[in-house]
Amino acid sequence: RCGHVFGDSCIRTWLAGHGNKCPACNKRARLGHVTPLYHLPRILDGEPAAEVLRRWTDEIEGLKREKREMDAQLKRAKDELVAETRRHRREQEALQEALSRVRRAGAGNVGRPQGVGVQ
C-alpha cells in the first residue's frame, strides 16, 4: 500500500518477524498487500543464491564440455568422410583408366572371334 519495493523473500521474512509494518516507513503492511512487480520462477526455494549460481555455472560448463566433445566427434566424422571420398575418387580414376586400357586393347581385335588366338 505504501509503494516501497523489496525483494519477495526479504519482505516476506520481514513481515513475518516485525509486526506487519513496512521496513521503510512503518506503515501497516501484511502479505496480502505485497504486489509482485514481475514473476520469477521459484528457482531459489530457500536455497542461497550463490549455491544456485554455482549449480547453474556447473551446468553451463558441463554443456560447454559436451558441445566441445560433440564438435570433436563431428570433425572426426567429417575428416573420415573426406578421406573416404578421396579413396573412392582414386578408385574411380583407376577403374576408368583400366576401362580405357581394355577399350584400347579391344580396338585392335575388331572382327576377330573371341576366344580364337592368332598364331
C-alpha atoms as a PDB file:
ATOM      1  CA  ARG A   1       0.000   0.000   0.000  1.00  0.00           C
ATOM      2  CA  CYS A   2       2.860   2.387   0.654  1.00  0.00           C
ATOM      3  CA  GLY A   3       4.593   1.563  -2.627  1.00  0.00           C
ATOM      4  CA  HIS A   4       8.047   0.680  -1.330  1.00  0.00           C
ATOM      5  CA  VAL A   5       9.816  -2.012  -3.310  1.00  0.00           C
ATOM      6  CA  PHE A   6      11.580  -5.019  -1.805  1.00  0.00           C
ATOM      7  CA  GLY A   7      12.661  -8.441  -2.910  1.00  0.00           C
ATOM      8  CA  ASP A   8       9.947 -11.031  -2.398  1.00  0.00           C
ATOM      9  CA  SER A   9      11.749 -13.271   0.090  1.00  0.00           C
ATOM     10  CA  CYS A  10      13.092 -10.267   2.050  1.00  0.00           C
ATOM     11  CA  ILE A  11       9.703  -8.597   2.536  1.00  0.00           C
ATOM     12  CA  ARG A  12       8.048 -11.890   3.438  1.00  0.00           C
ATOM     13  CA  THR A  13      10.714 -12.569   6.083  1.00  0.00           C
ATOM     14  CA  TRP A  14      10.440  -9.011   7.403  1.00  0.00           C
ATOM     15  CA  LEU A  15       6.654  -9.050   7.657  1.00  0.00           C
ATOM     16  CA  ALA A  16       6.692 -12.397   9.433  1.00  0.00           C
ATOM     17  CA  GLY A  17       9.096 -11.191  12.119  1.00  0.00           C
ATOM     18  CA  HIS A  18       8.483  -7.452  12.523  1.00  0.00           C
ATOM     19  CA  GLY A  19       4.837  -6.876  13.318  1.00  0.00           C
ATOM     20  CA  ASN A  20       3.446  -6.392   9.817  1.00  0.00           C
ATOM     21  CA  LYS A  21       4.977  -2.979   9.136  1.00  0.00           C
ATOM     22  CA  CYS A  22       6.827  -1.638   6.112  1.00  0.00           C
ATOM     23  CA  PRO A  23      10.570  -1.617   6.841  1.00  0.00           C
ATOM     24  CA  ALA A  24      10.945   1.782   5.143  1.00  0.00           C
ATOM     25  CA  CYS A  25       8.004   3.849   6.511  1.00  0.00           C
ATOM     26  CA  ASN A  26       6.444   1.713   9.270  1.00  0.00           C
ATOM     27  CA  LYS A  27       3.005   1.825   7.648  1.00  0.00           C
ATOM     28  CA  ARG A  28       0.791  -1.128   8.358  1.00  0.00           C
ATOM     29  CA  ALA A  29       1.512  -3.939   5.892  1.00  0.00           C
ATOM     30  CA  ARG A  30       0.742  -7.607   5.536  1.00  0.00           C
ATOM     31  CA  LEU A  31       1.416 -10.319   2.984  1.00  0.00           C
ATOM     32  CA  GLY A  32      -1.862  -9.574   1.216  1.00  0.00           C
ATOM     33  CA  HIS A  33      -0.568  -6.076   0.473  1.00  0.00           C
ATOM     34  CA  VAL A  34       2.535  -7.381  -1.308  1.00  0.00           C
ATOM     35  CA  THR A  35       2.210  -6.993  -5.076  1.00  0.00           C
ATOM     36  CA  PRO A  36       4.712  -8.758  -7.314  1.00  0.00           C
ATOM     37  CA  LEU A  37       6.180  -6.380  -9.878  1.00  0.00           C
ATOM     38  CA  TYR A  38       7.236  -9.301 -12.045  1.00  0.00           C
ATOM     39  CA  HIS A  39       7.124 -13.031 -11.731  1.00  0.00           C
ATOM     40  CA  LEU A  40      10.218 -15.129 -11.493  1.00  0.00           C
ATOM     41  CA  PRO A  41      10.011 -18.895 -11.274  1.00  0.00           C
ATOM     42  CA  ARG A  42      10.662 -20.132  -7.784  1.00  0.00           C
ATOM     43  CA  ILE A  43      14.239 -21.083  -8.533  1.00  0.00           C
ATOM     44  CA  LEU A  44      15.692 -20.498  -5.114  1.00  0.00           C
ATOM     45  CA  ASP A  45      13.131 -22.141  -2.820  1.00  0.00           C
ATOM     46  CA  GLY A  46      15.191 -21.159   0.197  1.00  0.00           C
ATOM     47  CA  GLU A  47      18.483 -22.167  -1.416  1.00  0.00           C
ATOM     48  CA  PRO A  48      21.191 -19.483  -1.208  1.00  0.00           C
ATOM     49  CA  ALA A  49      21.552 -17.548  -4.461  1.00  0.00           C
ATOM     50  CA  ALA A  50      25.293 -18.284  -4.547  1.00  0.00           C
ATOM     51  CA  GLU A  51      24.548 -22.022  -4.495  1.00  0.00           C
ATOM     52  CA  VAL A  52      22.016 -21.698  -7.333  1.00  0.00           C
ATOM     53  CA  LEU A  53      24.535 -19.650  -9.315  1.00  0.00           C
ATOM     54  CA  ARG A  54      27.251 -22.257  -8.678  1.00  0.00           C
ATOM     55  CA  ARG A  55      24.916 -25.063  -9.768  1.00  0.00           C
ATOM     56  CA  TRP A  56      23.945 -23.199 -12.949  1.00  0.00           C
ATOM     57  CA  THR A  57      27.584 -22.360 -13.672  1.00  0.00           C
ATOM     58  CA  ASP A  58      28.499 -26.041 -13.294  1.00  0.00           C
ATOM     59  CA  GLU A  59      25.636 -26.988 -15.594  1.00  0.00           C
ATOM     60  CA  ILE A  60      26.720 -24.436 -18.206  1.00  0.00           C
ATOM     61  CA  GLU A  61      30.311 -25.688 -18.023  1.00  0.00           C
ATOM     62  CA  GLY A  62      29.072 -29.259 -18.445  1.00  0.00           C
ATOM     63  CA  LEU A  63      27.061 -28.250 -21.507  1.00  0.00           C
ATOM     64  CA  LYS A  64      30.081 -26.432 -22.952  1.00  0.00           C
ATOM     65  CA  ARG A  65      32.209 -29.552 -22.388  1.00  0.00           C
ATOM     66  CA  GLU A  66      29.548 -31.691 -24.065  1.00  0.00           C
ATOM     67  CA  LYS A  67      29.444 -29.287 -27.028  1.00  0.00           C
ATOM     68  CA  ARG A  68      33.244 -29.421 -27.411  1.00  0.00           C
ATOM     69  CA  GLU A  69      33.088 -33.240 -27.406  1.00  0.00           C
ATOM     70  CA  MET A  70      30.308 -33.230 -29.999  1.00  0.00           C
ATOM     71  CA  ASP A  71      32.238 -30.734 -32.145  1.00  0.00           C
ATOM     72  CA  ALA A  72      35.290 -33.011 -31.981  1.00  0.00           C
ATOM     73  CA  GLN A  73      33.174 -36.045 -32.958  1.00  0.00           C
ATOM     74  CA  LEU A  74      31.687 -34.099 -35.845  1.00  0.00           C
ATOM     75  CA  LYS A  75      35.153 -33.041 -37.042  1.00  0.00           C
ATOM     76  CA  ARG A  76      36.404 -36.652 -36.887  1.00  0.00           C
ATOM     77  CA  ALA A  77      33.370 -37.853 -38.847  1.00  0.00           C
ATOM     78  CA  LYS A  78      33.867 -35.113 -41.439  1.00  0.00           C
ATOM     79  CA  ASP A  79      37.581 -35.938 -41.764  1.00  0.00           C
ATOM     80  CA  GLU A  80      36.741 -39.631 -42.217  1.00  0.00           C
ATOM     81  CA  LEU A  81      34.150 -38.785 -44.851  1.00  0.00           C
ATOM     82  CA  VAL A  82      36.607 -36.569 -46.739  1.00  0.00           C
ATOM     83  CA  ALA A  83      39.271 -39.318 -46.643  1.00  0.00           C
ATOM     84  CA  GLU A  84      36.775 -41.942 -47.812  1.00  0.00           C
ATOM     85  CA  THR A  85      35.607 -39.673 -50.627  1.00  0.00           C
ATOM     86  CA  ARG A  86      39.226 -39.238 -51.753  1.00  0.00           C
ATOM     87  CA  ARG A  87      39.756 -43.019 -51.693  1.00  0.00           C
ATOM     88  CA  HIS A  88      36.628 -43.528 -53.797  1.00  0.00           C
ATOM     89  CA  ARG A  89      37.773 -40.904 -56.305  1.00  0.00           C
ATOM     90  CA  ARG A  90      41.187 -42.574 -56.648  1.00  0.00           C
ATOM     91  CA  GLU A  91      39.497 -45.947 -57.070  1.00  0.00           C
ATOM     92  CA  GLN A  92      37.115 -44.499 -59.670  1.00  0.00           C
ATOM     93  CA  GLU A  93      40.031 -42.949 -61.573  1.00  0.00           C
ATOM     94  CA  ALA A  94      41.908 -46.289 -61.521  1.00  0.00           C
ATOM     95  CA  LEU A  95      38.820 -48.119 -62.794  1.00  0.00           C
ATOM     96  CA  GLN A  96      38.305 -45.552 -65.552  1.00  0.00           C
ATOM     97  CA  GLU A  97      41.961 -45.923 -66.571  1.00  0.00           C
ATOM     98  CA  ALA A  98      41.628 -49.730 -66.606  1.00  0.00           C
ATOM     99  CA  LEU A  99      38.459 -49.448 -68.687  1.00  0.00           C
ATOM    100  CA  SER A 100      40.267 -47.188 -71.155  1.00  0.00           C
ATOM    101  CA  ARG A 101      43.121 -49.723 -71.456  1.00  0.00           C
ATOM    102  CA  VAL A 102      40.641 -52.534 -72.064  1.00  0.00           C
ATOM    103  CA  ARG A 103      38.865 -50.493 -74.731  1.00  0.00           C
ATOM    104  CA  ARG A 104      42.169 -49.583 -76.427  1.00  0.00           C
ATOM    105  CA  ALA A 105      43.289 -53.209 -76.357  1.00  0.00           C
ATOM    106  CA  GLY A 106      39.904 -54.334 -77.664  1.00  0.00           C
ATOM    107  CA  ALA A 107      40.036 -51.907 -80.603  1.00  0.00           C
ATOM    108  CA  GLY A 108      42.821 -53.994 -82.232  1.00  0.00           C
ATOM    109  CA  ASN A 109      40.719 -57.159 -82.078  1.00  0.00           C
ATOM    110  CA  VAL A 110      37.746 -55.844 -84.048  1.00  0.00           C
ATOM    111  CA  GLY A 111      36.417 -58.518 -86.355  1.00  0.00           C
ATOM    112  CA  ARG A 112      38.191 -61.439 -84.693  1.00  0.00           C
ATOM    113  CA  PRO A 113      36.076 -64.044 -82.967  1.00  0.00           C
ATOM    114  CA  GLN A 114      36.517 -64.015 -79.232  1.00  0.00           C
ATOM    115  CA  GLY A 115      38.449 -66.879 -77.771  1.00  0.00           C
ATOM    116  CA  VAL A 116      40.338 -67.565 -81.025  1.00  0.00           C
ATOM    117  CA  GLY A 117      44.015 -66.688 -80.925  1.00  0.00           C
ATOM    118  CA  VAL A 118      46.190 -65.725 -83.875  1.00  0.00           C
ATOM    119  CA  GLN A 119      49.245 -67.891 -84.498  1.00  0.00           C
END
